[in-house]
Amino acid sequence: MLFDTATILAIAGTFLIAGTVKGVVGLGLPTISLALLAVALDLTNAMALLLVPSFATNLWQATTGGHGRALLRRIWPFLLAATATVLLGASALTRVELRLLTALLGFLLLAYGAASLVGQRLRLEARHERWVGALAGLVNGVLTGMTGSFAVPGVMYLQALGLSRDALIQAMGMLFAVSTLALGFALQANHLLRLEHGVVSTLALLPAMAGMVIGRRFRQRLSERSFRKLFFLALLGLGAYLASRAFGSLQ
């Protein structure tokens, strides 16, 4: 058996936390679950387990908000590139030392957390959106395949478009949903998915959804701005821990 009872309970707790974060701030489930699972398990297991909760919750986010058609017309080159290159990046999972890829994940979390805390966003001119989007999508897809992280530089690109808050959240849902689907295909192509992954990942949807319900209730009592700051500080801590642990194990 791949996962013992204690590990399954830890997985359930991870998705409960990640779902709560998403319920409060509208994002973070794949990022938090991947980071926490990578602490307890190896990187490929962490990537496999986030597939069902990430796809289900982000598909819902991608299809609600009322901006779907306009967003697809605007960011389809970015989404296409971000999807098509995941398989290329995932080839590293069977060729590169996993501790190095875990260290890379740590650095990506550090970059995402730091950029979000600083709060300074680039603004992209309309005439550059498509070619920059294709380039950002290419890099995002490769890094998704290598680490399971969907955010860098994709979220930065979406923020640079100057979208409204609701449109930005829907666009991130689109990115995360298609990236999750492509990641699942890439893991399967590299023989890194097992039936037990699918079963446990499907069951993990239950604590993830429960966490989202809890998070939405917390949202009415908490300052979203303060919680977002805490979320990104946690990403900095998790990223630093993963990177330092991975490098330490190589010595």
Foldseek 3Di string as FASTA:
>chain_A
DPDDPVRLVQLLVQLLQQLLLCLQQVDRNQPSQQLSVVVVDFQLLSLLLQLPLLQVVLVVLQPDLPCNVVVCVQQVLLLVLLQVQLLVLLVVVVVPDSLVLLLVSLVVLQVVLVCVLVPDAAADDSVCLNVVSNVQSNVQNNNCNSGVDNPPPNLSSLVNPVDDPSVSSNVVSSSRNSSSVSNVVSCVVVVSDDPVSVVSSVVSNVSSNVSSVNNNVVNVVDDSVVSVNVVSVVSNVSSVVSNVVSVVVVD
